[in-house]
Amino acid sequence: MSTILSTQGLPEVVPLKPESALATDKSGFSEILVRANEVLANADSAAAQFAQGKAGLTEAVLASERADTTFQVLMAVRNRALAAYQEIMNMQV
């Protein structure tokens, strides 16, 4: 039995390209922070557009989840750096 589904005006689903928001080879940590800030600003913009009815719920939720994940990764990196600093400061010379 074969079933044919119509697209009903839905956009074509395109596989996402893996984006490495935190892995960059052309610059340092400052570039990572700039890109993370862009992700967070994009989430704010998507939420505002959803509130105005200019964007769909899916786009707003995806932007919010991307921003949340980016923030969690940045906090994990910060915590690791702070733990390394504290360990170095506790070393006896």
N, C-alpha and C. Protein backbone atom coordinates (compact mmCIF):
# COMPACT_ATOMS: atom_id res chain seq x y z
N MET A 1 0.84 -1.17 0.00
CA MET A 1 0.00 0.00 0.00
C MET A 1 0.89 1.24 0.00
N SER A 2 0.61 2.11 -0.90
CA SER A 2 1.41 3.31 -1.06
C SER A 2 0.57 4.53 -0.75
N THR A 3 1.11 5.43 0.04
CA THR A 3 0.40 6.64 0.39
C THR A 3 1.20 7.83 -0.10
N ILE A 4 0.52 8.72 -0.77
CA ILE A 4 1.17 9.94 -1.26
C ILE A 4 0.66 11.10 -0.41
N LEU A 5 1.58 11.79 0.20
CA LEU A 5 1.24 12.94 1.02
C LEU A 5 1.49 14.22 0.24
N SER A 6 0.54 15.13 0.28
CA SER A 6 0.76 16.42 -0.36
C SER A 6 1.52 17.32 0.60
N THR A 7 2.23 18.26 0.04
CA THR A 7 3.01 19.16 0.88
C THR A 7 2.16 20.24 1.50
N GLN A 8 0.98 20.49 0.98
CA GLN A 8 0.04 21.46 1.51
C GLN A 8 0.67 22.82 1.75
N GLY A 9 1.53 23.24 0.85
CA GLY A 9 2.14 24.55 0.95
C GLY A 9 3.24 24.66 1.98
N LEU A 10 3.69 23.53 2.52
CA LEU A 10 4.76 23.57 3.51
C LEU A 10 6.10 23.76 2.81
N PRO A 11 7.03 24.46 3.44
CA PRO A 11 8.35 24.61 2.82
C PRO A 11 9.07 23.28 2.76
N GLU A 12 9.95 23.17 1.79
CA GLU A 12 10.72 21.94 1.63
C GLU A 12 11.67 21.77 2.81
N VAL A 13 11.73 20.57 3.32
CA VAL A 13 12.61 20.28 4.45
C VAL A 13 14.01 20.05 3.92
N VAL A 14 14.94 20.84 4.43
CA VAL A 14 16.32 20.76 4.01
C VAL A 14 17.15 20.35 5.22
N PRO A 15 18.03 19.35 5.08
CA PRO A 15 18.85 18.97 6.24
C PRO A 15 19.73 20.12 6.69
N LEU A 16 19.84 20.26 7.99
CA LEU A 16 20.68 21.31 8.55
C LEU A 16 22.14 20.96 8.38
N LYS A 17 22.93 21.96 8.04
CA LYS A 17 24.38 21.77 8.00
C LYS A 17 24.88 21.93 9.43
N PRO A 18 25.76 21.06 9.84
CA PRO A 18 26.26 21.19 11.22
C PRO A 18 27.01 22.50 11.39
N GLU A 19 26.52 23.30 12.31
CA GLU A 19 27.18 24.55 12.61
C GLU A 19 27.97 24.38 13.89
N SER A 20 29.18 24.76 13.84
CA SER A 20 29.99 24.70 15.03
C SER A 20 30.07 26.11 15.59
N ALA A 21 29.14 26.41 16.48
CA ALA A 21 29.06 27.76 17.02
C ALA A 21 30.26 28.10 17.88
N LEU A 22 30.91 27.09 18.42
CA LEU A 22 32.03 27.37 19.31
C LEU A 22 33.37 26.93 18.75
N ALA A 23 33.37 26.22 17.64
CA ALA A 23 34.63 25.78 17.05
C ALA A 23 34.94 26.64 15.83
N THR A 24 35.93 27.46 15.96
CA THR A 24 36.33 28.31 14.85
C THR A 24 37.84 28.23 14.73
N ASP A 25 38.32 28.24 13.51
CA ASP A 25 39.76 28.12 13.33
C ASP A 25 40.40 29.42 12.89
N LYS A 26 39.60 30.46 12.68
CA LYS A 26 40.19 31.69 12.18
C LYS A 26 40.44 32.75 13.25
N SER A 27 39.91 32.55 14.43
CA SER A 27 40.11 33.55 15.46
C SER A 27 40.06 32.90 16.83
N GLY A 28 40.16 33.70 17.83
CA GLY A 28 40.23 33.18 19.18
C GLY A 28 38.91 33.24 19.92
N PHE A 29 39.05 33.31 21.22
CA PHE A 29 37.89 33.26 22.10
C PHE A 29 36.97 34.46 21.90
N SER A 30 37.52 35.60 21.54
CA SER A 30 36.67 36.78 21.32
C SER A 30 35.71 36.58 20.17
N GLU A 31 36.14 35.89 19.12
CA GLU A 31 35.26 35.58 18.00
C GLU A 31 34.14 34.65 18.44
N ILE A 32 34.45 33.72 19.31
CA ILE A 32 33.43 32.81 19.84
C ILE A 32 32.38 33.60 20.61
N LEU A 33 32.82 34.55 21.43
CA LEU A 33 31.88 35.36 22.19
C LEU A 33 31.02 36.23 21.28
N VAL A 34 31.60 36.76 20.22
CA VAL A 34 30.83 37.57 19.27
C VAL A 34 29.76 36.72 18.60
N ARG A 35 30.14 35.51 18.18
CA ARG A 35 29.17 34.63 17.53
C ARG A 35 28.08 34.19 18.50
N ALA A 36 28.44 33.94 19.75
CA ALA A 36 27.45 33.56 20.75
C ALA A 36 26.49 34.72 21.01
N ASN A 37 27.00 35.93 21.04
CA ASN A 37 26.16 37.10 21.22
C ASN A 37 25.18 37.25 20.06
N GLU A 38 25.63 36.94 18.85
CA GLU A 38 24.75 36.99 17.68
C GLU A 38 23.63 35.96 17.80
N VAL A 39 23.94 34.77 18.30
CA VAL A 39 22.92 33.73 18.48
C VAL A 39 21.88 34.19 19.51
N LEU A 40 22.34 34.80 20.61
CA LEU A 40 21.42 35.28 21.63
C LEU A 40 20.56 36.43 21.12
N ALA A 41 21.15 37.33 20.35
CA ALA A 41 20.39 38.43 19.76
C ALA A 41 19.38 37.92 18.75
N ASN A 42 19.75 36.89 18.00
CA ASN A 42 18.84 36.30 17.03
C ASN A 42 17.63 35.70 17.73
N ALA A 43 17.84 35.09 18.88
CA ALA A 43 16.73 34.52 19.65
C ALA A 43 15.79 35.61 20.15
N ASP A 44 16.35 36.72 20.61
CA ASP A 44 15.52 37.84 21.03
C ASP A 44 14.70 38.38 19.87
N SER A 45 15.35 38.50 18.73
CA SER A 45 14.67 39.00 17.54
C SER A 45 13.55 38.05 17.10
N ALA A 46 13.81 36.75 17.13
CA ALA A 46 12.80 35.77 16.74
C ALA A 46 11.61 35.82 17.70
N ALA A 47 11.86 35.99 18.98
CA ALA A 47 10.77 36.09 19.95
C ALA A 47 9.92 37.34 19.70
N ALA A 48 10.60 38.44 19.40
CA ALA A 48 9.87 39.69 19.11
C ALA A 48 9.06 39.55 17.84
N GLN A 49 9.63 38.92 16.82
CA GLN A 49 8.90 38.72 15.57
C GLN A 49 7.71 37.80 15.78
N PHE A 50 7.85 36.78 16.62
CA PHE A 50 6.73 35.90 16.91
C PHE A 50 5.62 36.66 17.63
N ALA A 51 6.00 37.51 18.57
CA ALA A 51 5.02 38.30 19.30
C ALA A 51 4.25 39.24 18.39
N GLN A 52 4.91 39.71 17.33
CA GLN A 52 4.27 40.60 16.36
C GLN A 52 3.52 39.84 15.27
N GLY A 53 3.66 38.53 15.26
CA GLY A 53 2.99 37.72 14.24
C GLY A 53 3.74 37.64 12.93
N LYS A 54 5.01 38.03 12.93
CA LYS A 54 5.81 38.03 11.70
C LYS A 54 6.60 36.74 11.52
N ALA A 55 6.68 35.92 12.54
CA ALA A 55 7.43 34.66 12.47
C ALA A 55 6.60 33.56 13.11
N GLY A 56 6.89 32.34 12.71
CA GLY A 56 6.17 31.21 13.25
C GLY A 56 6.71 30.75 14.59
N LEU A 57 5.93 29.93 15.24
CA LEU A 57 6.33 29.41 16.55
C LEU A 57 7.57 28.54 16.44
N THR A 58 7.65 27.75 15.38
CA THR A 58 8.79 26.84 15.21
C THR A 58 10.10 27.60 15.15
N GLU A 59 10.13 28.67 14.36
CA GLU A 59 11.36 29.46 14.24
C GLU A 59 11.74 30.08 15.57
N ALA A 60 10.74 30.57 16.29
CA ALA A 60 11.02 31.20 17.59
C ALA A 60 11.56 30.18 18.59
N VAL A 61 10.95 29.00 18.63
CA VAL A 61 11.39 27.98 19.57
C VAL A 61 12.79 27.47 19.22
N LEU A 62 13.04 27.25 17.92
CA LEU A 62 14.37 26.80 17.51
C LEU A 62 15.44 27.82 17.85
N ALA A 63 15.16 29.09 17.62
CA ALA A 63 16.13 30.13 17.95
C ALA A 63 16.37 30.18 19.46
N SER A 64 15.29 30.01 20.23
CA SER A 64 15.42 30.02 21.68
C SER A 64 16.24 28.83 22.18
N GLU A 65 15.99 27.65 21.63
CA GLU A 65 16.75 26.47 22.04
C GLU A 65 18.22 26.58 21.63
N ARG A 66 18.47 27.13 20.45
CA ARG A 66 19.85 27.32 20.00
C ARG A 66 20.58 28.28 20.95
N ALA A 67 19.89 29.35 21.36
CA ALA A 67 20.49 30.31 22.28
C ALA A 67 20.72 29.67 23.65
N ASP A 68 19.77 28.86 24.11
CA ASP A 68 19.92 28.19 25.40
C ASP A 68 21.11 27.24 25.39
N THR A 69 21.24 26.47 24.31
CA THR A 69 22.36 25.54 24.20
C THR A 69 23.69 26.28 24.14
N THR A 70 23.73 27.35 23.37
CA THR A 70 24.95 28.15 23.26
C THR A 70 25.33 28.72 24.63
N PHE A 71 24.35 29.22 25.36
CA PHE A 71 24.61 29.79 26.68
C PHE A 71 25.12 28.72 27.65
N GLN A 72 24.51 27.53 27.61
CA GLN A 72 24.96 26.45 28.49
C GLN A 72 26.39 26.04 28.19
N VAL A 73 26.75 25.99 26.91
CA VAL A 73 28.12 25.64 26.54
C VAL A 73 29.10 26.71 27.02
N LEU A 74 28.73 27.97 26.83
CA LEU A 74 29.61 29.05 27.29
C LEU A 74 29.78 29.02 28.81
N MET A 75 28.72 28.71 29.54
CA MET A 75 28.83 28.62 30.99
C MET A 75 29.71 27.44 31.39
N ALA A 76 29.63 26.34 30.67
CA ALA A 76 30.49 25.19 30.97
C ALA A 76 31.95 25.53 30.72
N VAL A 77 32.22 26.25 29.63
CA VAL A 77 33.60 26.66 29.33
C VAL A 77 34.10 27.61 30.41
N ARG A 78 33.26 28.55 30.81
CA ARG A 78 33.65 29.49 31.87
C ARG A 78 33.94 28.76 33.17
N ASN A 79 33.09 27.81 33.52
CA ASN A 79 33.30 27.06 34.76
C ASN A 79 34.58 26.25 34.71
N ARG A 80 34.87 25.66 33.56
CA ARG A 80 36.12 24.90 33.42
C ARG A 80 37.32 25.81 33.53
N ALA A 81 37.27 26.98 32.90
CA ALA A 81 38.38 27.93 32.97
C ALA A 81 38.58 28.42 34.40
N LEU A 82 37.49 28.70 35.09
CA LEU A 82 37.58 29.15 36.48
C LEU A 82 38.15 28.06 37.37
N ALA A 83 37.74 26.82 37.16
CA ALA A 83 38.27 25.71 37.95
C ALA A 83 39.77 25.53 37.70
N ALA A 84 40.19 25.68 36.45
CA ALA A 84 41.62 25.56 36.13
C ALA A 84 42.41 26.69 36.79
N TYR A 85 41.86 27.90 36.76
CA TYR A 85 42.53 29.04 37.39
C TYR A 85 42.67 28.81 38.89
N GLN A 86 41.58 28.34 39.51
CA GLN A 86 41.63 28.10 40.97
C GLN A 86 42.63 27.00 41.32
N GLU A 87 42.71 25.98 40.48
CA GLU A 87 43.67 24.92 40.73
C GLU A 87 45.10 25.43 40.61
N ILE A 88 45.35 26.27 39.64
CA ILE A 88 46.69 26.84 39.47
C ILE A 88 47.03 27.74 40.67
N MET A 89 46.06 28.51 41.13
CA MET A 89 46.31 29.40 42.26
C MET A 89 46.56 28.62 43.56
N ASN A 90 46.03 27.42 43.67
CA ASN A 90 46.23 26.60 44.87
C ASN A 90 47.50 25.79 44.84
N MET A 91 48.22 25.81 43.73
CA MET A 91 49.50 25.07 43.66
C MET A 91 50.54 25.73 44.54
N GLN A 92 51.32 24.88 45.20
CA GLN A 92 52.41 25.40 46.01
C GLN A 92 53.64 25.53 45.15
N VAL A 93 54.34 26.63 45.36
CA VAL A 93 55.55 26.88 44.57
C VAL A 93 56.76 26.46 45.32
